[in-house]
Amino acid sequence: MFTNKTFIITGIADKNSLAMFVAKKIIDNGGSVICTGLGVSEFHTNLSDKAKAFLDTNYSDFEKAVKNELGDVQTEILDVTIEESVDAFARKLKENNIKVNGFLHAIAMDKTIRQKVVKPLLEVTRDEFCDTMDVSAYSLIRITSYLYKYELMRPNSSICSLSYIAASKVTFHPYRNMSVAKAALERITIELADELGRKNGTRANIVRFSPYMGSKAGTATLNQSDFDTANKLSPLGNATPDDLANEVIHLFRPNGRITGEIRHVDGGYNIMG
């Protein structure tokens, strides 16, 4: 299905990241992936030793996970908060004559969550709010704009953003600041569906997934009781990462006519009161 097709995969932190399951599924279906991770680049200046060590460890873990799970695939440093980093990433693809058939947006960051404690929205600072919005939502615009600037996005491509039910409903496992950013991400994706569809036939969709504790992101925000409660409430039980990957692959498939949709892959959790 994906022979001679290449997709950019963002958001891989470890072998259990949801983005990793999508990357595997693309490869299983004959496609190629370019995986991006956060690491030290030439555009990171005046970093403290602690910050440098964190970024080095993060990128090392990312590369190791990709190599172990996906084999010999292209990996690149990408910091979506730095304009020059996104520009350099896109220019490198251009210089290597690489064009893509779409990408997965699975990037999120919220410094207001510490040790599974969620800061009340009234206590979130402007900087905390804007930083979360920049990484978790605006980055979709930034990446997409550079892919088009360098003419890297093939006609009839497909973009998929990962979200969850808290973007539209207050849940029993509150996220607050991240929920607002995910709501913005969903709206951005829908607006891009209109713009890009008219531009060159590119589709853009969102997938809302079940609570998931397998990755670093999940264990940072959820407790086992949250996972168990969602599993009990959902008519079909919680969806699996493989369920998610199958849906993204469906949305990535060539010549699809689905765009601007919010797809729920959550075992029916979204229909419950």
Protein backbone atom coordinates (compact mmCIF):
# COMPACT_ATOMS: atom_id res chain seq x y z
CA MET A 1 0.00 0.00 0.00
CA PHE A 2 2.83 2.42 0.82
CA THR A 3 5.42 1.36 -1.75
CA ASN A 4 7.61 4.37 -2.69
CA LYS A 5 5.88 6.49 -0.03
CA THR A 6 7.59 8.26 2.85
CA PHE A 7 6.10 9.64 6.07
CA ILE A 8 7.61 11.81 8.79
CA ILE A 9 7.00 10.45 12.29
CA THR A 10 7.29 12.83 15.24
CA GLY A 11 6.82 12.09 18.91
CA ILE A 12 8.78 8.88 19.45
CA ALA A 13 10.24 8.89 22.96
CA ASP A 14 10.67 5.16 23.57
CA LYS A 15 9.74 1.79 22.11
CA ASN A 16 6.21 2.01 23.54
CA SER A 17 5.40 5.44 22.13
CA LEU A 18 2.19 5.49 20.10
CA ALA A 19 4.13 7.02 17.22
CA MET A 20 6.37 3.95 17.18
CA PHE A 21 3.40 1.67 16.50
CA VAL A 22 2.38 3.86 13.56
CA ALA A 23 5.93 3.83 12.16
CA LYS A 24 6.04 0.03 12.36
CA LYS A 25 2.72 -0.27 10.57
CA ILE A 26 3.89 1.98 7.75
CA ILE A 27 7.03 -0.11 7.28
CA ASP A 28 4.99 -3.33 7.43
CA ASN A 29 2.92 -1.95 4.56
CA GLY A 30 5.95 -1.24 2.37
CA GLY A 31 6.51 2.42 3.24
CA SER A 32 9.47 4.40 4.57
CA VAL A 33 9.65 6.66 7.62
CA ILE A 34 11.80 9.55 8.77
CA CYS A 35 11.73 9.80 12.55
CA THR A 36 12.45 13.02 14.43
CA GLY A 37 13.56 13.45 18.03
CA LEU A 38 14.60 16.19 20.42
CA GLY A 39 18.35 16.57 20.85
CA VAL A 40 21.16 19.11 20.97
CA SER A 41 21.60 20.96 17.68
CA GLU A 42 23.61 23.90 16.40
CA PHE A 43 20.63 26.10 17.17
CA HIS A 44 20.68 25.38 20.90
CA THR A 45 22.77 28.14 22.47
CA ASN A 46 23.66 28.91 26.07
CA LEU A 47 22.43 25.55 27.32
CA SER A 48 23.16 24.66 30.92
CA ASP A 49 25.01 21.41 31.54
CA LYS A 50 21.80 19.97 32.94
CA ALA A 51 19.79 20.92 29.86
CA LYS A 52 22.47 19.59 27.51
CA ALA A 53 22.63 16.30 29.41
CA PHE A 54 18.84 15.97 29.24
CA LEU A 55 18.73 16.57 25.48
CA ASP A 56 21.65 14.22 24.84
CA THR A 57 20.02 11.45 26.86
CA ASN A 58 16.66 12.08 25.19
CA TYR A 59 18.09 11.79 21.69
CA SER A 60 20.21 8.76 22.58
CA ASP A 61 17.14 6.95 23.96
CA PHE A 62 15.17 7.97 20.86
CA GLU A 63 17.80 6.67 18.42
CA LYS A 64 18.23 3.43 20.34
CA ALA A 65 14.47 2.80 20.38
CA VAL A 66 14.14 3.52 16.67
CA LYS A 67 17.07 1.28 15.74
CA ASN A 68 15.88 -1.60 17.92
CA GLU A 69 12.25 -1.42 16.81
CA LEU A 70 12.43 -0.17 13.21
CA GLY A 71 15.91 -1.05 12.00
CA ASP A 72 17.97 1.22 9.79
CA VAL A 73 15.68 4.19 9.25
CA GLN A 74 16.53 7.88 8.97
CA THR A 75 16.52 9.84 12.23
CA GLU A 76 16.83 13.62 12.56
CA ILE A 77 17.01 16.17 15.36
CA LEU A 78 13.99 18.44 15.38
CA ASP A 79 13.10 21.07 17.97
CA VAL A 80 9.73 22.49 16.96
CA THR A 81 10.19 25.49 19.28
CA ILE A 82 13.15 26.76 17.24
CA GLU A 83 12.32 28.17 13.82
CA GLU A 84 15.83 27.52 12.51
CA SER A 85 15.66 23.87 13.56
CA VAL A 86 12.48 23.24 11.56
CA ASP A 87 13.91 25.17 8.61
CA ALA A 88 17.15 23.15 8.68
CA PHE A 89 15.22 19.87 8.86
CA ALA A 90 13.13 20.79 5.82
CA ARG A 91 16.15 22.09 3.89
CA LYS A 92 18.00 18.83 4.51
CA LEU A 93 15.12 16.87 3.01
CA LYS A 94 15.08 19.22 0.05
CA GLU A 95 18.84 18.87 -0.50
CA ASN A 96 18.49 15.08 -0.44
CA ASN A 97 15.59 15.15 -2.90
CA ILE A 98 13.22 13.62 -0.36
CA LYS A 99 9.53 14.34 -0.70
CA VAL A 100 6.95 13.05 1.74
CA ASN A 101 3.42 11.71 1.57
CA GLY A 102 2.44 13.07 4.96
CA PHE A 103 3.34 13.03 8.62
CA LEU A 104 2.19 12.11 12.10
CA HIS A 105 1.99 14.91 14.67
CA ALA A 106 2.46 13.24 18.05
CA ILE A 107 4.35 15.98 19.89
CA ALA A 108 3.17 17.36 23.23
CA MET A 109 4.72 19.04 26.26
CA ASP A 110 3.27 20.47 29.46
CA LYS A 111 5.52 21.61 32.29
CA THR A 112 2.51 22.15 34.57
CA ILE A 113 2.30 18.39 35.12
CA ARG A 114 4.79 17.19 37.70
CA GLN A 115 4.79 13.72 39.26
CA LYS A 116 1.23 13.14 38.05
CA VAL A 117 0.00 16.30 39.79
CA VAL A 118 -1.91 18.58 37.44
CA LYS A 119 -1.72 22.30 38.19
CA PRO A 120 -5.14 24.02 38.32
CA LEU A 121 -5.74 26.17 35.25
CA LEU A 122 -6.03 29.32 37.39
CA GLU A 123 -2.46 28.78 38.54
CA VAL A 124 -0.96 28.25 35.07
CA THR A 125 1.37 31.08 34.13
CA ARG A 126 1.37 32.82 30.77
CA ASP A 127 4.74 31.29 29.92
CA GLU A 128 3.58 27.79 30.87
CA PHE A 129 0.44 28.21 28.79
CA CYS A 130 2.28 29.57 25.76
CA ASP A 131 5.07 26.97 25.93
CA THR A 132 2.53 24.13 25.96
CA MET A 133 0.57 25.71 23.12
CA ASP A 134 3.74 26.24 21.08
CA VAL A 135 4.94 22.64 21.32
CA SER A 136 1.62 20.81 21.38
CA ALA A 137 -0.42 22.84 18.88
CA TYR A 138 1.35 25.56 16.92
CA SER A 139 4.11 23.14 15.96
CA LEU A 140 1.67 21.56 13.50
CA ILE A 141 1.48 24.85 11.61
CA ARG A 142 5.23 25.39 11.81
CA ILE A 143 6.17 21.95 10.46
CA THR A 144 3.55 22.03 7.73
CA SER A 145 4.51 25.51 6.56
CA TYR A 146 8.17 24.54 6.07
CA LEU A 147 7.27 21.35 4.26
CA TYR A 148 5.31 23.46 1.80
CA LYS A 149 7.92 26.22 1.69
CA TYR A 150 10.45 23.73 0.32
CA GLU A 151 7.86 21.89 -1.79
CA LEU A 152 8.32 18.63 0.11
CA MET A 153 4.67 17.62 0.50
CA ARG A 154 3.45 15.57 -2.42
CA PRO A 155 -0.07 16.16 -3.80
CA ASN A 156 -2.78 14.12 -2.03
CA SER A 157 -0.68 13.66 1.10
CA SER A 158 -2.11 13.00 4.56
CA ILE A 159 -1.49 14.54 7.99
CA CYS A 160 -2.68 12.97 11.23
CA SER A 161 -2.67 14.55 14.71
CA LEU A 162 -2.97 12.58 17.94
CA SER A 163 -5.39 13.85 20.57
CA TYR A 164 -7.80 12.56 23.23
CA ILE A 165 -11.29 13.14 24.60
CA ALA A 166 -10.16 15.79 27.11
CA ALA A 167 -9.83 18.22 24.19
CA SER A 168 -13.61 18.61 24.29
CA LYS A 169 -14.78 17.21 27.65
CA VAL A 170 -13.70 17.50 31.26
CA THR A 171 -12.65 13.97 32.20
CA PHE A 172 -12.22 12.14 35.48
CA HIS A 173 -8.46 12.27 34.83
CA PRO A 174 -7.94 16.05 34.38
CA TYR A 175 -5.20 17.56 32.25
CA ARG A 176 -6.29 21.22 32.20
CA ASN A 177 -3.50 23.07 30.37
CA MET A 178 -2.77 20.22 27.95
CA SER A 179 -6.47 19.81 27.24
CA VAL A 180 -6.63 23.40 26.02
CA ALA A 181 -3.60 22.85 23.77
CA LYS A 182 -5.08 19.66 22.32
CA ALA A 183 -8.32 21.50 21.59
CA ALA A 184 -6.25 24.07 19.69
CA LEU A 185 -4.39 21.28 17.86
CA GLU A 186 -7.68 19.78 16.73
CA ARG A 187 -8.97 23.13 15.46
CA ILE A 188 -5.69 23.80 13.64
CA THR A 189 -5.89 20.37 12.00
CA ILE A 190 -9.43 21.04 10.79
CA GLU A 191 -8.49 24.45 9.40
CA LEU A 192 -5.51 22.89 7.60
CA ALA A 193 -7.83 20.26 6.15
CA ASP A 194 -9.61 23.08 4.33
CA GLU A 195 -6.49 25.03 3.31
CA LEU A 196 -4.36 22.10 2.21
CA GLY A 197 -7.17 20.19 0.57
CA ARG A 198 -7.74 23.14 -1.74
CA LYS A 199 -4.01 23.69 -2.14
CA ASN A 200 -2.89 20.26 -3.35
CA GLY A 201 -5.40 17.67 -2.16
CA THR A 202 -3.69 17.01 1.19
CA ARG A 203 -5.90 15.62 3.94
CA ALA A 204 -5.68 16.37 7.67
CA ASN A 205 -7.40 14.41 10.44
CA ILE A 206 -7.31 13.84 14.18
CA VAL A 207 -7.39 10.59 16.13
CA ARG A 208 -8.49 10.63 19.78
CA PHE A 209 -7.12 7.62 21.62
CA SER A 210 -7.87 5.82 24.86
CA PRO A 211 -5.91 6.52 28.05
CA TYR A 212 -2.58 4.78 27.56
CA MET A 213 0.14 4.06 30.12
CA GLY A 214 2.71 2.25 28.00
CA SER A 215 4.78 5.30 27.08
CA LYS A 216 6.68 7.96 29.02
CA ALA A 217 3.90 10.44 28.29
CA GLY A 218 1.23 8.13 29.66
CA THR A 219 3.03 7.24 32.87
CA ALA A 220 3.74 10.93 33.49
CA THR A 221 0.05 11.78 33.64
CA LEU A 222 -1.99 8.67 34.40
CA ASN A 223 -2.40 6.27 37.27
CA GLN A 224 -3.36 2.62 36.86
CA SER A 225 -6.77 3.44 38.32
CA ASP A 226 -7.37 5.97 35.50
CA PHE A 227 -6.59 3.33 32.91
CA ASP A 228 -8.79 0.76 34.66
CA THR A 229 -11.72 3.16 35.00
CA ALA A 230 -11.63 4.06 31.30
CA ASN A 231 -11.40 0.37 30.44
CA LYS A 232 -14.51 -0.33 32.53
CA LEU A 233 -16.48 2.62 31.14
CA SER A 234 -15.71 1.88 27.49
CA PRO A 235 -18.19 -0.57 25.89
CA LEU A 236 -15.35 -2.39 24.13
CA GLY A 237 -12.68 -1.68 26.71
CA ASN A 238 -9.66 0.51 26.04
CA ALA A 239 -8.27 0.51 22.51
CA THR A 240 -4.74 -0.78 21.94
CA PRO A 241 -1.80 0.98 20.25
CA ASP A 242 -2.29 -1.41 17.34
CA ASP A 243 -5.88 -0.19 16.98
CA LEU A 244 -4.57 3.35 16.80
CA ALA A 245 -1.92 2.47 14.23
CA ASN A 246 -4.49 0.73 12.04
CA GLU A 247 -6.68 3.85 12.05
CA VAL A 248 -3.78 6.16 11.19
CA ILE A 249 -2.76 3.83 8.36
CA HIS A 250 -6.34 3.97 7.10
CA LEU A 251 -6.17 7.78 7.08
CA PHE A 252 -2.72 7.71 5.43
CA ARG A 253 -3.75 5.35 2.63
CA PRO A 254 -3.39 6.73 -0.91
CA ASN A 255 -6.33 8.44 -2.61
CA GLY A 256 -8.48 8.65 0.52
CA ARG A 257 -11.39 11.11 0.72
CA ILE A 258 -11.53 11.57 4.48
CA THR A 259 -10.43 14.96 5.83
CA GLY A 260 -11.19 17.32 8.70
CA GLU A 261 -12.43 14.46 10.87
CA ILE A 262 -12.01 13.68 14.57
CA ARG A 263 -11.83 9.90 14.76
CA HIS A 264 -12.33 8.14 18.08
CA VAL A 265 -10.25 5.03 18.68
CA ASP A 266 -11.20 4.48 22.31
CA GLY A 267 -13.45 1.45 22.57
CA GLY A 268 -16.51 3.72 22.70
CA TYR A 269 -15.29 5.73 25.70
CA ASN A 270 -16.38 8.97 23.96
CA ILE A 271 -20.07 8.00 23.86
CA MET A 272 -20.38 7.56 27.62
CA GLY A 273 -21.90 10.24 29.83
